[in-house]
C-alpha atoms as a PDB file:
ATOM      1  CA  MET A   1      60.502   6.368  80.210  1.00  0.00           C
ATOM      2  CA  ILE A   2      63.114   7.741  77.889  1.00  0.00           C
ATOM      3  CA  GLY A   3      62.211  10.250  75.356  1.00  0.00           C
ATOM      4  CA  ILE A   4      63.701  10.070  71.912  1.00  0.00           C
ATOM      5  CA  ILE A   5      63.804  13.570  70.595  1.00  0.00           C
ATOM      6  CA  ILE A   6      63.877  13.795  66.769  1.00  0.00           C
ATOM      7  CA  GLY A   7      65.881  17.004  66.271  1.00  0.00           C
ATOM      8  CA  THR A   8      64.414  18.105  63.011  1.00  0.00           C
ATOM      9  CA  ASN A   9      60.984  18.801  61.715  1.00  0.00           C
ATOM     10  CA  ARG A  10      61.820  17.488  58.227  1.00  0.00           C
ATOM     11  CA  GLN A  11      59.001  14.886  57.074  1.00  0.00           C
ATOM     12  CA  HIS A  12      60.137  11.270  56.756  1.00  0.00           C
ATOM     13  CA  SER A  13      63.650  12.153  57.921  1.00  0.00           C
ATOM     14  CA  LEU A  14      66.681   9.899  58.442  1.00  0.00           C
ATOM     15  CA  SER A  15      66.693  11.172  61.858  1.00  0.00           C
ATOM     16  CA  LYS A  16      63.348   9.729  62.779  1.00  0.00           C
ATOM     17  CA  LYS A  17      64.434   6.310  61.186  1.00  0.00           C
ATOM     18  CA  VAL A  18      67.590   6.317  63.632  1.00  0.00           C
ATOM     19  CA  GLY A  19      65.259   7.359  66.444  1.00  0.00           C
ATOM     20  CA  ILE A  20      63.078   4.290  65.734  1.00  0.00           C
ATOM     21  CA  ASN A  21      66.160   2.158  65.499  1.00  0.00           C
ATOM     22  CA  TYR A  22      67.291   3.589  69.020  1.00  0.00           C
ATOM     23  CA  GLN A  23      63.825   2.817  70.348  1.00  0.00           C
ATOM     24  CA  ASN A  24      64.057  -0.865  69.195  1.00  0.00           C
ATOM     25  CA  LEU A  25      67.384  -1.104  70.791  1.00  0.00           C
ATOM     26  CA  LEU A  26      65.997   0.274  74.116  1.00  0.00           C
ATOM     27  CA  LYS A  27      63.128  -2.207  74.027  1.00  0.00           C
ATOM     28  CA  SER A  28      65.420  -4.845  73.357  1.00  0.00           C
ATOM     29  CA  LEU A  29      67.050  -3.914  76.577  1.00  0.00           C
ATOM     30  CA  GLY A  30      63.823  -3.771  78.556  1.00  0.00           C
ATOM     31  CA  GLN A  31      63.501   0.036  78.455  1.00  0.00           C
ATOM     32  CA  GLU A  32      60.314   1.808  77.640  1.00  0.00           C
ATOM     33  CA  SER A  33      60.663   4.772  75.413  1.00  0.00           C
ATOM     34  CA  GLN A  34      58.576   7.380  73.449  1.00  0.00           C
ATOM     35  CA  ILE A  35      59.471   9.174  70.250  1.00  0.00           C
ATOM     36  CA  ILE A  36      58.905  13.079  70.598  1.00  0.00           C
ATOM     37  CA  ASP A  37      59.102  14.071  66.831  1.00  0.00           C
ATOM     38  CA  LEU A  38      59.512  17.708  66.224  1.00  0.00           C
ATOM     39  CA  ALA A  39      57.962  17.260  62.737  1.00  0.00           C
ATOM     40  CA  GLU A  40      54.727  17.063  64.724  1.00  0.00           C
ATOM     41  CA  LEU A  41      54.975  20.269  66.317  1.00  0.00           C
ATOM     42  CA  PRO A  42      52.508  23.028  65.436  1.00  0.00           C
ATOM     43  CA  ALA A  43      53.513  24.693  62.107  1.00  0.00           C
ATOM     44  CA  ASP A  44      53.146  28.262  63.636  1.00  0.00           C
ATOM     45  CA  PHE A  45      54.484  27.233  67.168  1.00  0.00           C
ATOM     46  CA  ALA A  46      57.385  29.876  66.774  1.00  0.00           C
ATOM     47  CA  PHE A  47      54.762  32.528  66.851  1.00  0.00           C
ATOM     48  CA  SER A  48      51.791  30.800  68.676  1.00  0.00           C
ATOM     49  CA  ALA A  49      53.789  29.416  71.744  1.00  0.00           C
ATOM     50  CA  LEU A  50      56.696  31.630  72.414  1.00  0.00           C
ATOM     51  CA  TYR A  51      57.234  34.871  74.554  1.00  0.00           C
ATOM     52  CA  HIS A  52      53.879  36.559  75.191  1.00  0.00           C
ATOM     53  CA  ASN A  53      52.062  33.461  73.893  1.00  0.00           C
ATOM     54  CA  SER A  54      53.785  30.947  76.235  1.00  0.00           C
ATOM     55  CA  GLY A  55      51.080  28.443  77.468  1.00  0.00           C
ATOM     56  CA  LYS A  56      48.542  29.468  74.907  1.00  0.00           C
ATOM     57  CA  ASN A  57      49.014  26.859  72.082  1.00  0.00           C
ATOM     58  CA  GLU A  58      47.390  23.635  73.270  1.00  0.00           C
ATOM     59  CA  ALA A  59      49.377  21.530  70.835  1.00  0.00           C
ATOM     60  CA  PHE A  60      52.708  22.719  72.138  1.00  0.00           C
ATOM     61  CA  ASN A  61      51.720  22.599  75.706  1.00  0.00           C
ATOM     62  CA  GLU A  62      51.455  18.678  75.013  1.00  0.00           C
ATOM     63  CA  PHE A  63      55.022  18.713  74.184  1.00  0.00           C
ATOM     64  CA  GLN A  64      55.828  20.438  77.386  1.00  0.00           C
ATOM     65  CA  LYS A  65      53.778  17.979  79.358  1.00  0.00           C
ATOM     66  CA  ILE A  66      55.747  15.104  77.886  1.00  0.00           C
ATOM     67  CA  VAL A  67      59.037  16.948  78.512  1.00  0.00           C
ATOM     68  CA  ASP A  68      57.891  17.607  82.146  1.00  0.00           C
ATOM     69  CA  GLU A  69      57.025  13.819  82.745  1.00  0.00           C
ATOM     70  CA  THR A  70      60.408  12.642  81.076  1.00  0.00           C
ATOM     71  CA  LYS A  71      63.662  12.365  83.050  1.00  0.00           C
ATOM     72  CA  LYS A  72      65.886  11.117  80.491  1.00  0.00           C
ATOM     73  CA  PHE A  73      66.161  11.955  76.800  1.00  0.00           C
ATOM     74  CA  VAL A  74      68.009  10.836  73.585  1.00  0.00           C
ATOM     75  CA  PHE A  75      68.547  13.580  71.129  1.00  0.00           C
ATOM     76  CA  ILE A  76      68.936  12.256  67.544  1.00  0.00           C
ATOM     77  CA  VAL A  77      70.551  15.325  65.651  1.00  0.00           C
ATOM     78  CA  PRO A  78      71.256  15.641  62.070  1.00  0.00           C
ATOM     79  CA  GLU A  79      73.712  18.132  60.677  1.00  0.00           C
ATOM     80  CA  TYR A  80      72.261  21.272  59.504  1.00  0.00           C
ATOM     81  CA  ASN A  81      74.785  23.958  58.165  1.00  0.00           C
ATOM     82  CA  GLY A  82      77.468  23.042  60.453  1.00  0.00           C
ATOM     83  CA  SER A  83      75.263  22.793  63.572  1.00  0.00           C
ATOM     84  CA  PHE A  84      71.855  21.261  64.373  1.00  0.00           C
ATOM     85  CA  PRO A  85      68.489  22.398  63.178  1.00  0.00           C
ATOM     86  CA  GLY A  86      67.039  25.580  64.119  1.00  0.00           C
ATOM     87  CA  VAL A  87      63.492  23.980  64.981  1.00  0.00           C
ATOM     88  CA  LEU A  88      65.373  22.297  67.955  1.00  0.00           C
ATOM     89  CA  LYS A  89      66.663  25.595  69.160  1.00  0.00           C
ATOM     90  CA  THR A  90      63.144  27.149  68.704  1.00  0.00           C
ATOM     91  CA  PHE A  91      61.589  24.215  70.543  1.00  0.00           C
ATOM     92  CA  PHE A  92      63.748  24.795  73.583  1.00  0.00           C
ATOM     93  CA  ASP A  93      62.948  28.482  73.479  1.00  0.00           C
ATOM     94  CA  GLY A  94      59.268  27.731  73.672  1.00  0.00           C
ATOM     95  CA  LEU A  95      59.539  25.345  76.684  1.00  0.00           C
ATOM     96  CA  ARG A  96      59.250  26.733  80.174  1.00  0.00           C
ATOM     97  CA  TYR A  97      62.450  28.002  81.457  1.00  0.00           C
ATOM     98  CA  PRO A  98      64.481  27.400  83.699  1.00  0.00           C
ATOM     99  CA  ASP A  99      63.041  23.866  84.720  1.00  0.00           C
ATOM    100  CA  SER A 100      62.037  22.019  81.643  1.00  0.00           C
ATOM    101  CA  PHE A 101      65.294  20.267  81.228  1.00  0.00           C
ATOM    102  CA  ASN A 102      66.806  21.048  84.486  1.00  0.00           C
ATOM    103  CA  ASN A 103      68.157  17.975  86.524  1.00  0.00           C
ATOM    104  CA  LYS A 104      67.192  15.700  83.604  1.00  0.00           C
ATOM    105  CA  LYS A 105      69.820  13.462  81.728  1.00  0.00           C
ATOM    106  CA  ALA A 106      70.513  13.237  78.200  1.00  0.00           C
ATOM    107  CA  ALA A 107      72.347  11.249  75.523  1.00  0.00           C
ATOM    108  CA  LEU A 108      73.481  12.689  72.230  1.00  0.00           C
ATOM    109  CA  VAL A 109      73.583  11.101  68.729  1.00  0.00           C
ATOM    110  CA  GLY A 110      74.798  13.142  65.820  1.00  0.00           C
ATOM    111  CA  ILE A 111      74.248  12.092  62.332  1.00  0.00           C
ATOM    112  CA  SER A 112      75.520  13.492  58.892  1.00  0.00           C
ATOM    113  CA  ALA A 113      76.202  12.519  55.455  1.00  0.00           C
ATOM    114  CA  GLY A 114      79.787  13.749  56.066  1.00  0.00           C
ATOM    115  CA  MET A 115      82.546  12.247  57.861  1.00  0.00           C
ATOM    116  CA  LEU A 116      82.117  13.943  61.281  1.00  0.00           C
ATOM    117  CA  GLY A 117      78.906  12.852  62.336  1.00  0.00           C
ATOM    118  CA  ASN A 118      77.708  16.401  63.363  1.00  0.00           C
ATOM    119  CA  ALA A 119      80.458  16.620  65.970  1.00  0.00           C
ATOM    120  CA  VAL A 120      80.447  20.519  65.942  1.00  0.00           C
ATOM    121  CA  GLY A 121      76.296  20.614  66.254  1.00  0.00           C
ATOM    122  CA  LEU A 122      76.652  18.154  69.192  1.00  0.00           C
ATOM    123  CA  GLY A 123      79.182  20.612  70.904  1.00  0.00           C
ATOM    124  CA  HIS A 124      76.584  23.566  70.386  1.00  0.00           C
ATOM    125  CA  LEU A 125      73.545  21.461  71.852  1.00  0.00           C
ATOM    126  CA  ASN A 126      75.662  20.390  74.929  1.00  0.00           C
ATOM    127  CA  ASP A 127      76.468  23.884  75.535  1.00  0.00           C
ATOM    128  CA  ILE A 128      72.646  24.838  75.326  1.00  0.00           C
ATOM    129  CA  LEU A 129      71.618  21.711  77.540  1.00  0.00           C
ATOM    130  CA  SER A 130      74.301  22.496  80.061  1.00  0.00           C
ATOM    131  CA  TYR A 131      72.921  25.982  80.380  1.00  0.00           C
ATOM    132  CA  MET A 132      69.564  24.524  80.936  1.00  0.00           C
ATOM    133  CA  GLY A 133      70.820  22.246  83.711  1.00  0.00           C
ATOM    134  CA  THR A 134      70.937  18.956  82.093  1.00  0.00           C
ATOM    135  CA  ASP A 135      73.355  16.361  82.909  1.00  0.00           C
ATOM    136  CA  VAL A 136      74.710  15.225  79.375  1.00  0.00           C
ATOM    137  CA  MET A 137      76.513  11.906  78.982  1.00  0.00           C
ATOM    138  CA  GLY A 138      80.021  12.070  77.751  1.00  0.00           C
ATOM    139  CA  LEU A 139      79.554   9.284  75.545  1.00  0.00           C
ATOM    140  CA  ARG A 140      78.391  10.916  72.406  1.00  0.00           C
ATOM    141  CA  MET A 141      77.641   9.121  69.206  1.00  0.00           C
ATOM    142  CA  LYS A 142      78.859  10.882  65.927  1.00  0.00           C
ATOM    143  CA  PHE A 143      77.787   8.943  63.182  1.00  0.00           C
ATOM    144  CA  GLY A 144      78.899  10.049  59.738  1.00  0.00           C
ATOM    145  CA  ASN A 145      78.872   8.797  56.407  1.00  0.00           C
ATOM    146  CA  MET A 146      75.212   7.629  57.094  1.00  0.00           C
ATOM    147  CA  LYS A 147      74.305   6.700  53.468  1.00  0.00           C
ATOM    148  CA  ALA A 148      76.900   4.007  53.737  1.00  0.00           C
ATOM    149  CA  HIS A 149      76.153   2.780  57.257  1.00  0.00           C
ATOM    150  CA  PHE A 150      72.410   2.872  57.675  1.00  0.00           C
ATOM    151  CA  ASN A 151      70.036   1.164  55.551  1.00  0.00           C
ATOM    152  CA  GLY A 152      66.811   2.955  56.532  1.00  0.00           C
ATOM    153  CA  GLU A 153      66.026   0.650  59.463  1.00  0.00           C
ATOM    154  CA  GLU A 154      69.291  -0.458  61.137  1.00  0.00           C
ATOM    155  CA  PHE A 155      72.871   0.316  61.126  1.00  0.00           C
ATOM    156  CA  THR A 156      74.883  -1.918  58.775  1.00  0.00           C
ATOM    157  CA  PHE A 157      78.459  -0.949  60.421  1.00  0.00           C
ATOM    158  CA  GLU A 158      78.977  -3.234  63.435  1.00  0.00           C
ATOM    159  CA  VAL A 159      81.095  -0.428  65.021  1.00  0.00           C
ATOM    160  CA  TYR A 160      78.156   1.855  64.959  1.00  0.00           C
ATOM    161  CA  ARG A 161      75.777  -0.793  66.394  1.00  0.00           C
ATOM    162  CA  ASN A 162      78.182  -1.687  69.100  1.00  0.00           C
ATOM    163  CA  PHE A 163      78.741   1.984  70.199  1.00  0.00           C
ATOM    164  CA  LEU A 164      74.849   2.763  70.118  1.00  0.00           C
ATOM    165  CA  GLU A 165      74.070  -0.347  72.332  1.00  0.00           C
ATOM    166  CA  LYS A 166      76.986   0.879  74.751  1.00  0.00           C
ATOM    167  CA  GLN A 167      75.500   4.237  74.754  1.00  0.00           C
ATOM    168  CA  ALA A 168      71.982   3.025  75.390  1.00  0.00           C
ATOM    169  CA  LYS A 169      72.963   0.727  78.203  1.00  0.00           C
ATOM    170  CA  ALA A 170      74.842   3.621  79.781  1.00  0.00           C
ATOM    171  CA  LEU A 171      71.922   5.950  79.514  1.00  0.00           C
ATOM    172  CA  ILE A 172      69.534   3.249  81.126  1.00  0.00           C
ATOM    173  CA  ALA A 173      72.063   3.101  84.088  1.00  0.00           C
ATOM    174  CA  PHE A 174      72.833   7.004  84.161  1.00  0.00           C
END
């Protein structure tokens, strides 16, 4: 099972649509996956599940359980203010440390309206995941100019489709 983490809590996000597209791709390759949508986090988890409240928020504990049971992840990460959304970092901070992502594998997909496909944010995310002991694939997708290349259900740009399939196959074998 591969967990597809939607790296924003924005409702009806483009990130989730890309995540569903990735899930469909994995299914076509015979791989089961599960969407882990940060929009479904408890609204108060930054206060009710971190630090002295660790383990006390049952809804957040369900996310911890999913992370514990999953060995491979895809992070679909939109660009926010030159990096990735703060909710993703807060999500990491709420998980049990140091073992939640230790010795697990991850693939990164950055998306943005601009040209660079969240390249800087993926670098920041890579640093955090490496610190947490996660093996991050070198093949990172940086999909820029999303409005021109994604129609809400699938990539319309063949180059992006081909790279995404290459990454998905590599993640399955990773």
